[in-house]
PDB file of all heavy atoms in Angstrom:
ATOM      1  N   VAL A   1       0.838  -1.205   0.000  1.00  0.00           N
ATOM      2  CA  VAL A   1       0.000   0.000   0.000  1.00  0.00           C
ATOM      3  C   VAL A   1       0.869   1.249   0.000  1.00  0.00           C
ATOM      4  O   VAL A   1       1.791   1.389   0.806  1.00  0.00           O
ATOM      5  CB  VAL A   1      -0.926   0.019   1.228  1.00  0.00           C
ATOM      6  CG1 VAL A   1      -1.897   1.192   1.142  1.00  0.00           C
ATOM      7  CG2 VAL A   1      -1.681  -1.300   1.367  1.00  0.00           C
ATOM      8  N   ASN A   2       0.593   2.151  -0.907  1.00  0.00           N
ATOM      9  CA  ASN A   2       1.273   3.448  -0.970  1.00  0.00           C
ATOM     10  C   ASN A   2       0.237   4.555  -0.794  1.00  0.00           C
ATOM     11  O   ASN A   2      -0.736   4.623  -1.553  1.00  0.00           O
ATOM     12  CB  ASN A   2       2.001   3.615  -2.312  1.00  0.00           C
ATOM     13  CG  ASN A   2       2.701   4.959  -2.410  1.00  0.00           C
ATOM     14  OD1 ASN A   2       3.337   5.411  -1.472  1.00  0.00           O
ATOM     15  ND2 ASN A   2       2.577   5.603  -3.563  1.00  0.00           N
ATOM     16  N   VAL A   3       0.435   5.391   0.213  1.00  0.00           N
ATOM     17  CA  VAL A   3      -0.534   6.451   0.525  1.00  0.00           C
ATOM     18  C   VAL A   3       0.131   7.812   0.356  1.00  0.00           C
ATOM     19  O   VAL A   3       1.249   8.034   0.842  1.00  0.00           O
ATOM     20  CB  VAL A   3      -1.068   6.303   1.966  1.00  0.00           C
ATOM     21  CG1 VAL A   3      -1.991   7.465   2.320  1.00  0.00           C
ATOM     22  CG2 VAL A   3      -1.813   4.987   2.128  1.00  0.00           C
ATOM     23  N   GLN A   4      -0.537   8.717  -0.325  1.00  0.00           N
ATOM     24  CA  GLN A   4      -0.083  10.096  -0.471  1.00  0.00           C
ATOM     25  C   GLN A   4      -1.194  11.033  -0.001  1.00  0.00           C
ATOM     26  O   GLN A   4      -2.380  10.799  -0.275  1.00  0.00           O
ATOM     27  CB  GLN A   4       0.288  10.409  -1.921  1.00  0.00           C
ATOM     28  CG  GLN A   4       1.525   9.668  -2.421  1.00  0.00           C
ATOM     29  CD  GLN A   4       1.850  10.048  -3.852  1.00  0.00           C
ATOM     30  OE1 GLN A   4       1.079   9.765  -4.767  1.00  0.00           O
ATOM     31  NE2 GLN A   4       2.979  10.695  -4.046  1.00  0.00           N
ATOM     32  N   ILE A   5      -0.796  12.092   0.704  1.00  0.00           N
ATOM     33  CA  ILE A   5      -1.759  13.048   1.252  1.00  0.00           C
ATOM     34  C   ILE A   5      -1.560  14.403   0.570  1.00  0.00           C
ATOM     35  O   ILE A   5      -0.421  14.864   0.422  1.00  0.00           O
ATOM     36  CB  ILE A   5      -1.586  13.177   2.773  1.00  0.00           C
ATOM     37  CG1 ILE A   5      -1.748  11.800   3.432  1.00  0.00           C
ATOM     38  CG2 ILE A   5      -2.592  14.161   3.355  1.00  0.00           C
ATOM     39  CD1 ILE A   5      -1.455  11.801   4.909  1.00  0.00           C
ATOM     40  N   GLY A   6      -2.632  14.990   0.167  1.00  0.00           N
ATOM     41  CA  GLY A   6      -2.545  16.260  -0.534  1.00  0.00           C
ATOM     42  C   GLY A   6      -3.687  17.189  -0.190  1.00  0.00           C
ATOM     43  O   GLY A   6      -4.334  17.065   0.858  1.00  0.00           O
ATOM     44  N   ARG A   7      -3.958  18.087  -1.094  1.00  0.00           N
ATOM     45  CA  ARG A   7      -4.980  19.104  -0.861  1.00  0.00           C
ATOM     46  C   ARG A   7      -5.862  19.247  -2.095  1.00  0.00           C
ATOM     47  O   ARG A   7      -5.370  19.196  -3.220  1.00  0.00           O
ATOM     48  CB  ARG A   7      -4.324  20.448  -0.517  1.00  0.00           C
ATOM     49  CG  ARG A   7      -3.499  20.417   0.777  1.00  0.00           C
ATOM     50  CD  ARG A   7      -2.658  21.672   0.897  1.00  0.00           C
ATOM     51  NE  ARG A   7      -2.025  21.822   2.209  1.00  0.00           N
ATOM     52  CZ  ARG A   7      -0.769  21.475   2.476  1.00  0.00           C
ATOM     53  NH1 ARG A   7      -0.008  20.946   1.527  1.00  0.00           N
ATOM     54  NH2 ARG A   7      -0.265  21.657   3.687  1.00  0.00           N
ATOM     55  N   TYR A   8      -7.126  19.425  -1.849  1.00  0.00           N
ATOM     56  CA  TYR A   8      -8.102  19.637  -2.923  1.00  0.00           C
ATOM     57  C   TYR A   8      -8.354  21.130  -2.991  1.00  0.00           C
ATOM     58  O   TYR A   8      -8.997  21.701  -2.106  1.00  0.00           O
ATOM     59  CB  TYR A   8      -9.367  18.860  -2.594  1.00  0.00           C
ATOM     60  CG  TYR A   8     -10.321  18.679  -3.750  1.00  0.00           C
ATOM     61  CD1 TYR A   8      -9.898  18.171  -4.967  1.00  0.00           C
ATOM     62  CD2 TYR A   8     -11.675  18.987  -3.606  1.00  0.00           C
ATOM     63  CE1 TYR A   8     -10.781  17.975  -6.007  1.00  0.00           C
ATOM     64  CE2 TYR A   8     -12.576  18.790  -4.638  1.00  0.00           C
ATOM     65  CZ  TYR A   8     -12.119  18.285  -5.842  1.00  0.00           C
ATOM     66  OH  TYR A   8     -13.011  18.093  -6.873  1.00  0.00           O
ATOM     67  N   VAL A   9      -7.834  21.789  -4.005  1.00  0.00           N
ATOM     68  CA  VAL A   9      -7.812  23.253  -4.040  1.00  0.00           C
ATOM     69  C   VAL A   9      -8.637  23.778  -5.206  1.00  0.00           C
ATOM     70  O   VAL A   9      -8.843  23.093  -6.213  1.00  0.00           O
ATOM     71  CB  VAL A   9      -6.360  23.781  -4.141  1.00  0.00           C
ATOM     72  CG1 VAL A   9      -5.556  23.342  -2.929  1.00  0.00           C
ATOM     73  CG2 VAL A   9      -5.678  23.285  -5.411  1.00  0.00           C
ATOM     74  N   TYR A  10      -9.070  25.013  -5.036  1.00  0.00           N
ATOM     75  CA  TYR A  10      -9.837  25.675  -6.088  1.00  0.00           C
ATOM     76  C   TYR A  10      -8.910  26.548  -6.915  1.00  0.00           C
ATOM     77  O   TYR A  10      -8.150  27.372  -6.384  1.00  0.00           O
ATOM     78  CB  TYR A  10     -10.949  26.533  -5.486  1.00  0.00           C
ATOM     79  CG  TYR A  10     -11.791  27.231  -6.534  1.00  0.00           C
ATOM     80  CD1 TYR A  10     -12.698  26.503  -7.311  1.00  0.00           C
ATOM     81  CD2 TYR A  10     -11.674  28.596  -6.756  1.00  0.00           C
ATOM     82  CE1 TYR A  10     -13.465  27.130  -8.277  1.00  0.00           C
ATOM     83  CE2 TYR A  10     -12.444  29.230  -7.714  1.00  0.00           C
ATOM     84  CZ  TYR A  10     -13.335  28.493  -8.482  1.00  0.00           C
ATOM     85  OH  TYR A  10     -14.088  29.109  -9.444  1.00  0.00           O
ATOM     86  N   LEU A  11      -8.953  26.376  -8.229  1.00  0.00           N
ATOM     87  CA  LEU A  11      -8.146  27.178  -9.149  1.00  0.00           C
ATOM     88  C   LEU A  11      -9.032  28.263  -9.726  1.00  0.00           C
ATOM     89  O   LEU A  11      -9.995  27.978 -10.446  1.00  0.00           O
ATOM     90  CB  LEU A  11      -7.576  26.290 -10.258  1.00  0.00           C
ATOM     91  CG  LEU A  11      -6.761  25.076  -9.796  1.00  0.00           C
ATOM     92  CD1 LEU A  11      -6.286  24.260 -10.994  1.00  0.00           C
ATOM     93  CD2 LEU A  11      -5.581  25.512  -8.951  1.00  0.00           C
ATOM     94  N   SER A  12      -8.711  29.503  -9.374  1.00  0.00           N
ATOM     95  CA  SER A  12      -9.584  30.610  -9.791  1.00  0.00           C
ATOM     96  C   SER A  12      -9.525  30.856 -11.288  1.00  0.00           C
ATOM     97  O   SER A  12     -10.489  31.337 -11.877  1.00  0.00           O
ATOM     98  CB  SER A  12      -9.197  31.889  -9.030  1.00  0.00           C
ATOM     99  OG  SER A  12      -7.831  32.201  -9.246  1.00  0.00           O
ATOM    100  N   GLY A  13      -8.375  30.557 -11.912  1.00  0.00           N
ATOM    101  CA  GLY A  13      -8.255  30.779 -13.360  1.00  0.00           C
ATOM    102  C   GLY A  13      -9.253  29.951 -14.150  1.00  0.00           C
ATOM    103  O   GLY A  13     -10.193  30.477 -14.755  1.00  0.00           O
ATOM    104  N   PRO A  14      -9.080  28.621 -14.151  1.00  0.00           N
ATOM    105  CA  PRO A  14     -10.035  27.766 -14.877  1.00  0.00           C
ATOM    106  C   PRO A  14     -11.346  27.554 -14.131  1.00  0.00           C
ATOM    107  O   PRO A  14     -12.248  26.907 -14.650  1.00  0.00           O
ATOM    108  CB  PRO A  14      -9.265  26.451 -15.020  1.00  0.00           C
ATOM    109  CG  PRO A  14      -8.319  26.428 -13.874  1.00  0.00           C
ATOM    110  CD  PRO A  14      -7.930  27.856 -13.652  1.00  0.00           C
ATOM    111  N   GLN A  15     -11.433  28.071 -12.897  1.00  0.00           N
ATOM    112  CA  GLN A  15     -12.634  27.966 -12.081  1.00  0.00           C
ATOM    113  C   GLN A  15     -13.051  26.505 -11.871  1.00  0.00           C
ATOM    114  O   GLN A  15     -14.168  26.091 -12.165  1.00  0.00           O
ATOM    115  CB  GLN A  15     -13.782  28.770 -12.692  1.00  0.00           C
ATOM    116  CG  GLN A  15     -13.522  30.262 -12.762  1.00  0.00           C
ATOM    117  CD  GLN A  15     -14.712  31.053 -13.277  1.00  0.00           C
ATOM    118  OE1 GLN A  15     -15.577  30.509 -13.954  1.00  0.00           O
ATOM    119  NE2 GLN A  15     -14.753  32.323 -12.957  1.00  0.00           N
ATOM    120  N   ARG A  16     -12.120  25.755 -11.321  1.00  0.00           N
ATOM    121  CA  ARG A  16     -12.396  24.359 -11.035  1.00  0.00           C
ATOM    122  C   ARG A  16     -11.554  23.909  -9.848  1.00  0.00           C
ATOM    123  O   ARG A  16     -10.574  24.558  -9.478  1.00  0.00           O
ATOM    124  CB  ARG A  16     -12.086  23.472 -12.243  1.00  0.00           C
ATOM    125  CG  ARG A  16     -10.638  23.509 -12.684  1.00  0.00           C
ATOM    126  CD  ARG A  16     -10.412  22.629 -13.911  1.00  0.00           C
ATOM    127  NE  ARG A  16      -9.073  22.758 -14.444  1.00  0.00           N
ATOM    128  CZ  ARG A  16      -8.001  22.104 -13.986  1.00  0.00           C
ATOM    129  NH1 ARG A  16      -8.139  21.277 -12.973  1.00  0.00           N
ATOM    130  NH2 ARG A  16      -6.811  22.282 -14.530  1.00  0.00           N
ATOM    131  N   PHE A  17     -11.970  22.785  -9.256  1.00  0.00           N
ATOM    132  CA  PHE A  17     -11.209  22.171  -8.176  1.00  0.00           C
ATOM    133  C   PHE A  17     -10.200  21.189  -8.756  1.00  0.00           C
ATOM    134  O   PHE A  17     -10.457  20.555  -9.781  1.00  0.00           O
ATOM    135  CB  PHE A  17     -12.136  21.452  -7.196  1.00  0.00           C
ATOM    136  CG  PHE A  17     -12.967  22.372  -6.359  1.00  0.00           C
ATOM    137  CD1 PHE A  17     -14.290  22.621  -6.683  1.00  0.00           C
ATOM    138  CD2 PHE A  17     -12.420  22.989  -5.244  1.00  0.00           C
ATOM    139  CE1 PHE A  17     -15.062  23.465  -5.909  1.00  0.00           C
ATOM    140  CE2 PHE A  17     -13.185  23.841  -4.461  1.00  0.00           C
ATOM    141  CZ  PHE A  17     -14.508  24.077  -4.798  1.00  0.00           C
ATOM    142  N   GLU A  18      -9.075  21.051  -8.056  1.00  0.00           N
ATOM    143  CA  GLU A  18      -8.044  20.129  -8.518  1.00  0.00           C
ATOM    144  C   GLU A  18      -7.306  19.551  -7.318  1.00  0.00           C
ATOM    145  O   GLU A  18      -6.987  20.261  -6.360  1.00  0.00           O
ATOM    146  CB  GLU A  18      -7.048  20.856  -9.431  1.00  0.00           C
ATOM    147  CG  GLU A  18      -5.889  20.008  -9.897  1.00  0.00           C
ATOM    148  CD  GLU A  18      -4.939  20.785 -10.772  1.00  0.00           C
ATOM    149  OE1 GLU A  18      -5.248  20.948 -11.968  1.00  0.00           O
ATOM    150  OE2 GLU A  18      -3.893  21.258 -10.258  1.00  0.00           O
ATOM    151  N   GLY A  19      -7.039  18.248  -7.372  1.00  0.00           N
ATOM    152  CA  GLY A  19      -6.244  17.614  -6.333  1.00  0.00           C
ATOM    153  C   GLY A  19      -4.771  17.829  -6.578  1.00  0.00           C
ATOM    154  O   GLY A  19      -4.290  17.638  -7.706  1.00  0.00           O
ATOM    155  N   GLN A  20      -4.031  18.229  -5.559  1.00  0.00           N
ATOM    156  CA  GLN A  20      -2.597  18.475  -5.683  1.00  0.00           C
ATOM    157  C   GLN A  20      -1.874  17.801  -4.524  1.00  0.00           C
ATOM    158  O   GLN A  20      -2.336  17.811  -3.387  1.00  0.00           O
ATOM    159  CB  GLN A  20      -2.305  19.979  -5.682  1.00  0.00           C
ATOM    160  CG  GLN A  20      -2.920  20.727  -6.849  1.00  0.00           C
ATOM    161  CD  GLN A  20      -2.606  22.220  -6.813  1.00  0.00           C
ATOM    162  OE1 GLN A  20      -2.005  22.716  -5.869  1.00  0.00           O
ATOM    163  NE2 GLN A  20      -3.019  22.934  -7.844  1.00  0.00           N
ATOM    164  N   ILE A  21      -0.719  17.216  -4.838  1.00  0.00           N
ATOM    165  CA  ILE A  21       0.114  16.585  -3.813  1.00  0.00           C
ATOM    166  C   ILE A  21       1.502  17.211  -3.855  1.00  0.00           C
ATOM    167  O   ILE A  21       2.178  17.113  -4.880  1.00  0.00           O
ATOM    168  CB  ILE A  21       0.217  15.059  -4.042  1.00  0.00           C
ATOM    169  CG1 ILE A  21      -1.170  14.417  -3.939  1.00  0.00           C
ATOM    170  CG2 ILE A  21       1.173  14.414  -3.050  1.00  0.00           C
ATOM    171  CD1 ILE A  21      -1.189  12.942  -4.264  1.00  0.00           C
ATOM    172  N   PRO A  22       1.957  17.911  -2.797  1.00  0.00           N
ATOM    173  CA  PRO A  22       1.209  18.109  -1.545  1.00  0.00           C
ATOM    174  C   PRO A  22       0.225  19.268  -1.604  1.00  0.00           C
ATOM    175  O   PRO A  22      -0.615  19.406  -0.731  1.00  0.00           O
ATOM    176  CB  PRO A  22       2.319  18.403  -0.550  1.00  0.00           C
ATOM    177  CG  PRO A  22       3.359  19.106  -1.346  1.00  0.00           C
ATOM    178  CD  PRO A  22       3.347  18.427  -2.696  1.00  0.00           C
ATOM    179  N   GLY A  23       0.334  20.163  -2.597  1.00  0.00           N
ATOM    180  CA  GLY A  23      -0.541  21.315  -2.677  1.00  0.00           C
ATOM    181  C   GLY A  23      -0.041  22.483  -1.844  1.00  0.00           C
ATOM    182  O   GLY A  23       0.928  22.349  -1.086  1.00  0.00           O
ATOM    183  N   PRO A  24      -0.670  23.649  -1.977  1.00  0.00           N
ATOM    184  CA  PRO A  24      -0.200  24.856  -1.275  1.00  0.00           C
ATOM    185  C   PRO A  24      -0.374  24.751   0.235  1.00  0.00           C
ATOM    186  O   PRO A  24      -1.404  24.268   0.723  1.00  0.00           O
ATOM    187  CB  PRO A  24      -1.075  25.968  -1.863  1.00  0.00           C
ATOM    188  CG  PRO A  24      -2.302  25.266  -2.356  1.00  0.00           C
ATOM    189  CD  PRO A  24      -1.846  23.925  -2.825  1.00  0.00           C
ATOM    190  N   SER A  25       0.615  25.211   0.970  1.00  0.00           N
ATOM    191  CA  SER A  25       0.593  25.109   2.437  1.00  0.00           C
ATOM    192  C   SER A  25      -0.483  25.985   3.064  1.00  0.00           C
ATOM    193  O   SER A  25      -0.801  25.834   4.238  1.00  0.00           O
ATOM    194  CB  SER A  25       1.959  25.485   3.004  1.00  0.00           C
ATOM    195  OG  SER A  25       2.303  26.817   2.650  1.00  0.00           O
ATOM    196  N   THR A  26      -1.032  26.918   2.297  1.00  0.00           N
ATOM    197  CA  THR A  26      -2.087  27.779   2.833  1.00  0.00           C
ATOM    198  C   THR A  26      -3.431  27.065   2.920  1.00  0.00           C
ATOM    199  O   THR A  26      -4.368  27.569   3.526  1.00  0.00           O
ATOM    200  CB  THR A  26      -2.250  29.027   1.942  1.00  0.00           C
ATOM    201  OG1 THR A  26      -2.465  28.607   0.577  1.00  0.00           O
ATOM    202  CG2 THR A  26      -1.015  29.909   2.016  1.00  0.00           C
ATOM    203  N   GLU A  27      -3.522  25.892   2.303  1.00  0.00           N
ATOM    204  CA  GLU A  27      -4.759  25.124   2.319  1.00  0.00           C
ATOM    205  C   GLU A  27      -4.677  24.009   3.362  1.00  0.00           C
ATOM    206  O   GLU A  27      -3.588  23.538   3.702  1.00  0.00           O
ATOM    207  CB  GLU A  27      -5.022  24.507   0.940  1.00  0.00           C
ATOM    208  CG  GLU A  27      -5.187  25.523  -0.176  1.00  0.00           C
ATOM    209  CD  GLU A  27      -6.541  26.192  -0.160  1.00  0.00           C
ATOM    210  OE1 GLU A  27      -7.467  25.617   0.444  1.00  0.00           O
ATOM    211  OE2 GLU A  27      -6.685  27.270  -0.743  1.00  0.00           O
ATOM    212  N   ASN A  28      -5.827  23.555   3.836  1.00  0.00           N
ATOM    213  CA  ASN A  28      -5.872  22.411   4.736  1.00  0.00           C
ATOM    214  C   ASN A  28      -5.610  21.120   3.974  1.00  0.00           C
ATOM    215  O   ASN A  28      -5.958  20.998   2.791  1.00  0.00           O
ATOM    216  CB  ASN A  28      -7.240  22.303   5.410  1.00  0.00           C
ATOM    217  CG  ASN A  28      -7.397  23.257   6.567  1.00  0.00           C
ATOM    218  OD1 ASN A  28      -6.435  23.865   7.019  1.00  0.00           O
ATOM    219  ND2 ASN A  28      -8.611  23.391   7.050  1.00  0.00           N
ATOM    220  N   TRP A  29      -5.016  20.137   4.662  1.00  0.00           N
ATOM    221  CA  TRP A  29      -4.928  18.796   4.089  1.00  0.00           C
ATOM    222  C   TRP A  29      -6.345  18.272   3.903  1.00  0.00           C
ATOM    223  O   TRP A  29      -7.154  18.281   4.832  1.00  0.00           O
ATOM    224  CB  TRP A  29      -4.147  17.861   5.007  1.00  0.00           C
ATOM    225  CG  TRP A  29      -2.720  18.260   5.237  1.00  0.00           C
ATOM    226  CD1 TRP A  29      -2.193  18.786   6.375  1.00  0.00           C
ATOM    227  CD2 TRP A  29      -1.631  18.165   4.301  1.00  0.00           C
ATOM    228  NE1 TRP A  29      -0.843  19.027   6.219  1.00  0.00           N
ATOM    229  CE2 TRP A  29      -0.463  18.653   4.953  1.00  0.00           C
ATOM    230  CE3 TRP A  29      -1.526  17.714   2.995  1.00  0.00           C
ATOM    231  CZ2 TRP A  29       0.777  18.710   4.326  1.00  0.00           C
ATOM    232  CZ3 TRP A  29      -0.282  17.777   2.362  1.00  0.00           C
ATOM    233  CH2 TRP A  29       0.844  18.260   3.022  1.00  0.00           C
ATOM    234  N   SER A  30      -6.672  17.817   2.688  1.00  0.00           N
ATOM    235  CA  SER A  30      -8.061  17.443   2.434  1.00  0.00           C
ATOM    236  C   SER A  30      -8.201  16.311   1.426  1.00  0.00           C
ATOM    237  O   SER A  30      -9.305  16.010   0.986  1.00  0.00           O
ATOM    238  CB  SER A  30      -8.841  18.663   1.914  1.00  0.00           C
ATOM    239  OG  SER A  30      -8.224  19.176   0.743  1.00  0.00           O
ATOM    240  N   MET A  31      -7.077  15.656   1.042  1.00  0.00           N
ATOM    241  CA  MET A  31      -7.139  14.636  -0.006  1.00  0.00           C
ATOM    242  C   MET A  31      -6.189  13.496   0.328  1.00  0.00           C
ATOM    243  O   MET A  31      -5.074  13.720   0.815  1.00  0.00           O
ATOM    244  CB  MET A  31      -6.765  15.248  -1.357  1.00  0.00           C
ATOM    245  CG  MET A  31      -6.825  14.268  -2.526  1.00  0.00           C
ATOM    246  SD  MET A  31      -6.344  15.028  -4.086  1.00  0.00           S
ATOM    247  CE  MET A  31      -4.569  15.078  -3.880  1.00  0.00           C
ATOM    248  N   VAL A  32      -6.616  12.275   0.067  1.00  0.00           N
ATOM    249  CA  VAL A  32      -5.769  11.090   0.235  1.00  0.00           C
ATOM    250  C   VAL A  32      -5.864  10.246  -1.030  1.00  0.00           C
ATOM    251  O   VAL A  32      -6.970   9.927  -1.495  1.00  0.00           O
ATOM    252  CB  VAL A  32      -6.193  10.262   1.466  1.00  0.00           C
ATOM    253  CG1 VAL A  32      -5.437   8.936   1.495  1.00  0.00           C
ATOM    254  CG2 VAL A  32      -5.929  11.031   2.752  1.00  0.00           C
ATOM    255  N   THR A  33      -4.701   9.902  -1.586  1.00  0.00           N
ATOM    256  CA  THR A  33      -4.619   8.968  -2.705  1.00  0.00           C
ATOM    257  C   THR A  33      -3.966   7.688  -2.212  1.00  0.00           C
ATOM    258  O   THR A  33      -2.878   7.722  -1.620  1.00  0.00           O
ATOM    259  CB  THR A  33      -3.809   9.561  -3.862  1.00  0.00           C
ATOM    260  OG1 THR A  33      -4.505  10.685  -4.398  1.00  0.00           O
ATOM    261  CG2 THR A  33      -3.618   8.533  -4.972  1.00  0.00           C
ATOM    262  N   SER A  34      -4.616   6.570  -2.432  1.00  0.00           N
ATOM    263  CA  SER A  34      -4.098   5.273  -1.998  1.00  0.00           C
ATOM    264  C   SER A  34      -3.915   4.381  -3.213  1.00  0.00           C
ATOM    265  O   SER A  34      -4.768   4.348  -4.112  1.00  0.00           O
ATOM    266  CB  SER A  34      -5.056   4.621  -1.001  1.00  0.00           C
ATOM    267  OG  SER A  34      -4.535   3.412  -0.522  1.00  0.00           O
ATOM    268  N   GLN A  35      -2.783   3.657  -3.248  1.00  0.00           N
ATOM    269  CA  GLN A  35      -2.496   2.752  -4.354  1.00  0.00           C
ATOM    270  C   GLN A  35      -2.027   1.415  -3.796  1.00  0.00           C
ATOM    271  O   GLN A  35      -1.181   1.366  -2.896  1.00  0.00           O
ATOM    272  CB  GLN A  35      -1.423   3.341  -5.269  1.00  0.00           C
ATOM    273  CG  GLN A  35      -1.145   2.513  -6.513  1.00  0.00           C
ATOM    274  CD  GLN A  35      -0.082   3.150  -7.393  1.00  0.00           C
ATOM    275  OE1 GLN A  35       1.101   3.076  -7.089  1.00  0.00           O
ATOM    276  NE2 GLN A  35      -0.516   3.815  -8.449  1.00  0.00           N
ATOM    277  N   ILE A  36      -2.574   0.320  -4.322  1.00  0.00           N
ATOM    278  CA  ILE A  36      -2.176  -1.024  -3.917  1.00  0.00           C
ATOM    279  C   ILE A  36      -1.600  -1.741  -5.132  1.00  0.00           C
ATOM    280  O   ILE A  36      -2.217  -1.759  -6.206  1.00  0.00           O
ATOM    281  CB  ILE A  36      -3.357  -1.823  -3.353  1.00  0.00           C
ATOM    282  CG1 ILE A  36      -3.918  -1.131  -2.106  1.00  0.00           C
ATOM    283  CG2 ILE A  36      -2.931  -3.252  -3.007  1.00  0.00           C
ATOM    284  CD1 ILE A  36      -5.135  -1.819  -1.517  1.00  0.00           C
ATOM    285  N   THR A  37      -0.410  -2.300  -4.982  1.00  0.00           N
ATOM    286  CA  THR A  37       0.259  -3.058  -6.043  1.00  0.00           C
ATOM    287  C   THR A  37       0.364  -4.511  -5.607  1.00  0.00           C
ATOM    288  O   THR A  37       0.825  -4.803  -4.493  1.00  0.00           O
ATOM    289  CB  THR A  37       1.656  -2.493  -6.322  1.00  0.00           C
ATOM    290  OG1 THR A  37       1.542  -1.101  -6.663  1.00  0.00           O
ATOM    291  CG2 THR A  37       2.323  -3.239  -7.466  1.00  0.00           C
ATOM    292  N   ALA A  38      -0.038  -5.434  -6.475  1.00  0.00           N
ATOM    293  CA  ALA A  38      -0.029  -6.858  -6.129  1.00  0.00           C
ATOM    294  C   ALA A  38       0.549  -7.677  -7.275  1.00  0.00           C
ATOM    295  O   ALA A  38       0.217  -7.451  -8.443  1.00  0.00           O
ATOM    296  CB  ALA A  38      -1.434  -7.344  -5.799  1.00  0.00           C
ATOM    297  N   ASP A  39       1.432  -8.639  -6.961  1.00  0.00           N
ATOM    298  CA  ASP A  39       1.961  -9.603  -7.924  1.00  0.00           C
ATOM    299  C   ASP A  39       1.000 -10.785  -7.963  1.00  0.00           C
ATOM    300  O   ASP A  39       0.853 -11.520  -6.986  1.00  0.00           O
ATOM    301  CB  ASP A  39       3.359 -10.063  -7.497  1.00  0.00           C
ATOM    302  CG  ASP A  39       3.961 -11.067  -8.470  1.00  0.00           C
ATOM    303  OD1 ASP A  39       3.295 -11.383  -9.475  1.00  0.00           O
ATOM    304  OD2 ASP A  39       5.086 -11.548  -8.202  1.00  0.00           O
ATOM    305  N   VAL A  40       0.335 -10.962  -9.094  1.00  0.00           N
ATOM    306  CA  VAL A  40      -0.681 -12.005  -9.211  1.00  0.00           C
ATOM    307  C   VAL A  40      -0.212 -13.195 -10.035  1.00  0.00           C
ATOM    308  O   VAL A  40      -1.010 -14.064 -10.392  1.00  0.00           O
ATOM    309  CB  VAL A  40      -1.981 -11.413  -9.820  1.00  0.00           C
ATOM    310  CG1 VAL A  40      -2.558 -10.348  -8.911  1.00  0.00           C
ATOM    311  CG2 VAL A  40      -1.724 -10.847 -11.213  1.00  0.00           C
TER     312      VAL A  40
END
């Protein structure tokens, strides 16, 4: 399991939300990306 923590921020230019890792420090931590890799 690989976990990364980031921030879900609003971009005023394109007027949309975007997940960023780690994202700007002025924002609260608000996003988690988890990845599982398995040899099958």
